[in-house]
Structure formats: C-alpha cells, structure tokens
C-alpha atoms as a PDB file:
ATOM      1  CA  UNK A   1    -111.273 -12.840  65.796  1.00  0.00           C
ATOM      2  CA  UNK A   2    -108.334 -15.189  65.890  1.00  0.00           C
ATOM      3  CA  UNK A   3    -105.252 -15.707  67.956  1.00  0.00           C
ATOM      4  CA  UNK A   4    -102.246 -14.379  66.069  1.00  0.00           C
ATOM      5  CA  UNK A   5     -98.810 -15.194  67.410  1.00  0.00           C
ATOM      6  CA  UNK A   6     -97.253 -12.432  65.309  1.00  0.00           C
ATOM      7  CA  UNK A   7     -99.433  -9.908  67.142  1.00  0.00           C
ATOM      8  CA  UNK A   8     -98.721 -11.601  70.476  1.00  0.00           C
ATOM      9  CA  UNK A   9     -94.974 -11.417  69.797  1.00  0.00           C
ATOM     10  CA  UNK A  10     -95.156  -7.704  68.961  1.00  0.00           C
ATOM     11  CA  UNK A  11     -97.276  -6.918  72.032  1.00  0.00           C
ATOM     12  CA  UNK A  12     -94.851  -8.705  74.351  1.00  0.00           C
ATOM     13  CA  UNK A  13     -91.859  -6.964  72.776  1.00  0.00           C
ATOM     14  CA  UNK A  14     -93.526  -3.561  73.161  1.00  0.00           C
ATOM     15  CA  UNK A  15     -94.374  -4.205  76.805  1.00  0.00           C
ATOM     16  CA  UNK A  16     -90.867  -5.465  77.508  1.00  0.00           C
ATOM     17  CA  UNK A  17     -89.353  -2.336  75.952  1.00  0.00           C
ATOM     18  CA  UNK A  18     -91.568   0.004  77.988  1.00  0.00           C
ATOM     19  CA  UNK A  19     -90.707   1.580  81.323  1.00  0.00           C
ATOM     20  CA  UNK A  20     -92.473  -0.682  83.802  1.00  0.00           C
ATOM     21  CA  UNK A  21     -91.402   0.983  87.033  1.00  0.00           C
ATOM     22  CA  UNK A  22     -95.020   1.959  87.504  1.00  0.00           C
ATOM     23  CA  UNK A  23     -98.210   0.845  85.797  1.00  0.00           C
ATOM     24  CA  UNK A  24     -99.170   2.957  82.833  1.00  0.00           C
ATOM     25  CA  UNK A  25    -102.174   3.493  80.649  1.00  0.00           C
ATOM     26  CA  UNK A  26    -101.560   2.974  76.998  1.00  0.00           C
ATOM     27  CA  UNK A  27    -102.876   1.814  73.695  1.00  0.00           C
ATOM     28  CA  UNK A  28    -100.721  -0.620  71.791  1.00  0.00           C
ATOM     29  CA  UNK A  29    -100.689  -0.184  68.054  1.00  0.00           C
ATOM     30  CA  UNK A  30     -98.999  -2.587  65.660  1.00  0.00           C
ATOM     31  CA  UNK A  31     -98.463  -1.702  62.012  1.00  0.00           C
ATOM     32  CA  UNK A  32    -100.476  -3.868  59.669  1.00  0.00           C
ATOM     33  CA  UNK A  33    -103.018  -4.999  62.277  1.00  0.00           C
ATOM     34  CA  UNK A  34    -106.374  -3.541  63.224  1.00  0.00           C
ATOM     35  CA  UNK A  35    -106.968  -2.289  66.749  1.00  0.00           C
ATOM     36  CA  UNK A  36    -109.543  -5.084  67.118  1.00  0.00           C
ATOM     37  CA  UNK A  37    -106.920  -7.735  66.287  1.00  0.00           C
ATOM     38  CA  UNK A  38    -104.430  -6.232  68.739  1.00  0.00           C
ATOM     39  CA  UNK A  39    -107.104  -5.803  71.401  1.00  0.00           C
ATOM     40  CA  UNK A  40    -108.270  -9.408  71.072  1.00  0.00           C
ATOM     41  CA  UNK A  41    -104.748 -10.802  71.400  1.00  0.00           C
ATOM     42  CA  UNK A  42    -103.989  -8.589  74.409  1.00  0.00           C
ATOM     43  CA  UNK A  43    -107.115  -9.981  76.051  1.00  0.00           C
ATOM     44  CA  UNK A  44    -105.812 -13.507  75.379  1.00  0.00           C
ATOM     45  CA  UNK A  45    -102.491 -12.605  76.995  1.00  0.00           C
ATOM     46  CA  UNK A  46    -104.293 -11.256  80.074  1.00  0.00           C
ATOM     47  CA  UNK A  47    -106.713 -14.178  80.387  1.00  0.00           C
ATOM     48  CA  UNK A  48    -103.881 -16.712  80.069  1.00  0.00           C
ATOM     49  CA  UNK A  49    -101.705 -14.851  82.589  1.00  0.00           C
ATOM     50  CA  UNK A  50     -98.882 -13.923  80.215  1.00  0.00           C
ATOM     51  CA  UNK A  51     -99.165 -10.236  81.123  1.00  0.00           C
ATOM     52  CA  UNK A  52    -100.472  -8.261  84.060  1.00  0.00           C
ATOM     53  CA  UNK A  53    -102.845  -5.656  82.703  1.00  0.00           C
ATOM     54  CA  UNK A  54    -106.319  -4.302  83.177  1.00  0.00           C
ATOM     55  CA  UNK A  55    -108.641  -3.147  80.418  1.00  0.00           C
ATOM     56  CA  UNK A  56    -109.681   0.476  80.866  1.00  0.00           C
ATOM     57  CA  UNK A  57    -111.666   0.926  77.677  1.00  0.00           C
ATOM     58  CA  UNK A  58    -111.604  -0.149  74.065  1.00  0.00           C
ATOM     59  CA  UNK A  59    -107.945  -0.764  73.219  1.00  0.00           C
ATOM     60  CA  UNK A  60    -106.808   1.064  76.382  1.00  0.00           C
ATOM     61  CA  UNK A  61    -105.016  -0.887  79.084  1.00  0.00           C
ATOM     62  CA  UNK A  62    -103.253  -0.279  82.347  1.00  0.00           C
ATOM     63  CA  UNK A  63    -100.134  -2.328  81.657  1.00  0.00           C
ATOM     64  CA  UNK A  64     -98.219  -3.565  84.660  1.00  0.00           C
ATOM     65  CA  UNK A  65     -95.726  -6.174  83.523  1.00  0.00           C
ATOM     66  CA  UNK A  66     -94.997  -9.418  81.721  1.00  0.00           C
ATOM     67  CA  UNK A  67     -95.417 -12.435  83.990  1.00  0.00           C
ATOM     68  CA  UNK A  68     -92.829 -15.187  84.416  1.00  0.00           C
ATOM     69  CA  UNK A  69     -94.930 -17.331  82.068  1.00  0.00           C
ATOM     70  CA  UNK A  70     -95.037 -14.428  79.603  1.00  0.00           C
ATOM     71  CA  UNK A  71     -91.253 -14.087  79.672  1.00  0.00           C
ATOM     72  CA  UNK A  72     -90.957 -17.793  78.841  1.00  0.00           C
ATOM     73  CA  UNK A  73     -93.296 -17.328  75.892  1.00  0.00           C
ATOM     74  CA  UNK A  74     -91.428 -14.250  74.683  1.00  0.00           C
ATOM     75  CA  UNK A  75     -88.070 -16.025  74.962  1.00  0.00           C
ATOM     76  CA  UNK A  76     -89.449 -18.730  72.649  1.00  0.00           C
ATOM     77  CA  UNK A  77     -90.639 -16.277  69.984  1.00  0.00           C
ATOM     78  CA  UNK A  78     -88.328 -13.266  70.460  1.00  0.00           C
ATOM     79  CA  UNK A  79     -86.088 -13.932  67.457  1.00  0.00           C
ATOM     80  CA  UNK A  80     -88.199 -13.421  64.335  1.00  0.00           C
ATOM     81  CA  UNK A  81     -86.115 -15.789  62.174  1.00  0.00           C
ATOM     82  CA  UNK A  82     -86.309 -18.578  64.734  1.00  0.00           C
ATOM     83  CA  UNK A  83     -90.022 -17.981  65.236  1.00  0.00           C
ATOM     84  CA  UNK A  84     -90.587 -18.217  61.467  1.00  0.00           C
ATOM     85  CA  UNK A  85     -88.836 -21.611  61.498  1.00  0.00           C
ATOM     86  CA  UNK A  86     -91.121 -22.794  64.299  1.00  0.00           C
ATOM     87  CA  UNK A  87     -94.216 -21.641  62.385  1.00  0.00           C
ATOM     88  CA  UNK A  88     -92.994 -23.303  59.185  1.00  0.00           C
ATOM     89  CA  UNK A  89     -92.259 -26.581  61.005  1.00  0.00           C
ATOM     90  CA  UNK A  90     -95.688 -26.759  62.631  1.00  0.00           C
ATOM     91  CA  UNK A  91     -97.389 -25.855  59.357  1.00  0.00           C
ATOM     92  CA  UNK A  92     -95.482 -28.513  57.403  1.00  0.00           C
ATOM     93  CA  UNK A  93     -96.368 -31.133  60.016  1.00  0.00           C
ATOM     94  CA  UNK A  94    -100.017 -30.070  60.045  1.00  0.00           C
ATOM     95  CA  UNK A  95     -99.787 -29.140  63.720  1.00  0.00           C
ATOM     96  CA  UNK A  96    -101.869 -26.177  64.895  1.00  0.00           C
ATOM     97  CA  UNK A  97     -99.779 -23.452  66.509  1.00  0.00           C
ATOM     98  CA  UNK A  98    -100.909 -23.169  70.121  1.00  0.00           C
ATOM     99  CA  UNK A  99     -99.130 -22.154  73.309  1.00  0.00           C
ATOM    100  CA  UNK A 100     -98.584 -25.840  74.067  1.00  0.00           C
ATOM    101  CA  UNK A 101     -97.299 -26.860  70.625  1.00  0.00           C
ATOM    102  CA  UNK A 102     -95.065 -23.804  70.550  1.00  0.00           C
ATOM    103  CA  UNK A 103     -93.509 -24.875  73.835  1.00  0.00           C
ATOM    104  CA  UNK A 104     -93.020 -28.441  72.527  1.00  0.00           C
ATOM    105  CA  UNK A 105     -91.708 -27.412  69.101  1.00  0.00           C
ATOM    106  CA  UNK A 106     -89.068 -24.905  70.194  1.00  0.00           C
ATOM    107  CA  UNK A 107     -86.654 -27.568  71.538  1.00  0.00           C
ATOM    108  CA  UNK A 108     -87.022 -29.610  68.314  1.00  0.00           C
ATOM    109  CA  UNK A 109     -86.109 -26.623  66.134  1.00  0.00           C
ATOM    110  CA  UNK A 110     -83.291 -25.579  68.475  1.00  0.00           C
ATOM    111  CA  UNK A 111     -81.832 -29.094  68.393  1.00  0.00           C
ATOM    112  CA  UNK A 112     -82.008 -29.131  64.590  1.00  0.00           C
ATOM    113  CA  UNK A 113     -80.267 -25.747  64.344  1.00  0.00           C
ATOM    114  CA  UNK A 114     -77.572 -26.878  66.778  1.00  0.00           C
ATOM    115  CA  UNK A 115     -76.883 -29.922  64.607  1.00  0.00           C
ATOM    116  CA  UNK A 116     -78.469 -32.513  66.887  1.00  0.00           C
END
C-alpha cells in the first residue's frame, strides 16, 4: 500500500461535504481507486490526526470531523489545478511529496502564481 495524496484529497473533500452534526457510519468510495487504497489512506489520516474517525470494520468508519490540522491540509490541496502544480514542482525537483514538503512547497507555488 502507498500513501496517495489524490485519495487523501478526495477523502477530505467528501468528509467536508458531509453532514457532520453527528458522527455517522459510512464507507467512502472513490472512483478509480480500490477500497484497500482508500482504506489505507483513511487510516493514515486518522493516525496522523487529520480526521476524527474510528474504524468499525473493513472500509467502514464512524466519521466525526476533520481536525484543524486536516483543514490546513485540505486548504493546501483543495484546488485540483493548484495541487497538480505542487505535485509537478516536487516531482521536477526530485522532492518526495510528504505532508511536510507539501506544507513547504505550497507557499513557493503560490508566490510564483502571484508573480513574486
């Protein structure tokens, strides 16, 4: 299994769009990705405190909310076009895409796009 920021982005967007007034049980499915890939990346989000959720079975979670840290991550990758630029930049520089490099790269790309 591997960490996939495209899956992570989709998971966070789906949780954000859901009604979070009360915790809910749900499976998250993402077109083009296996349930194992989605499941693995949800586990990463839980373990790294980007979302509040509890596993209730294979691919079934009690989703509570996105954490403050998770909102910061989502804000950095929300726009697909911008996120693609970040991925391209890190790839061209030979930098692995991690949570830390993502956080460091976003201001560089934003500054470039703003003409700085």
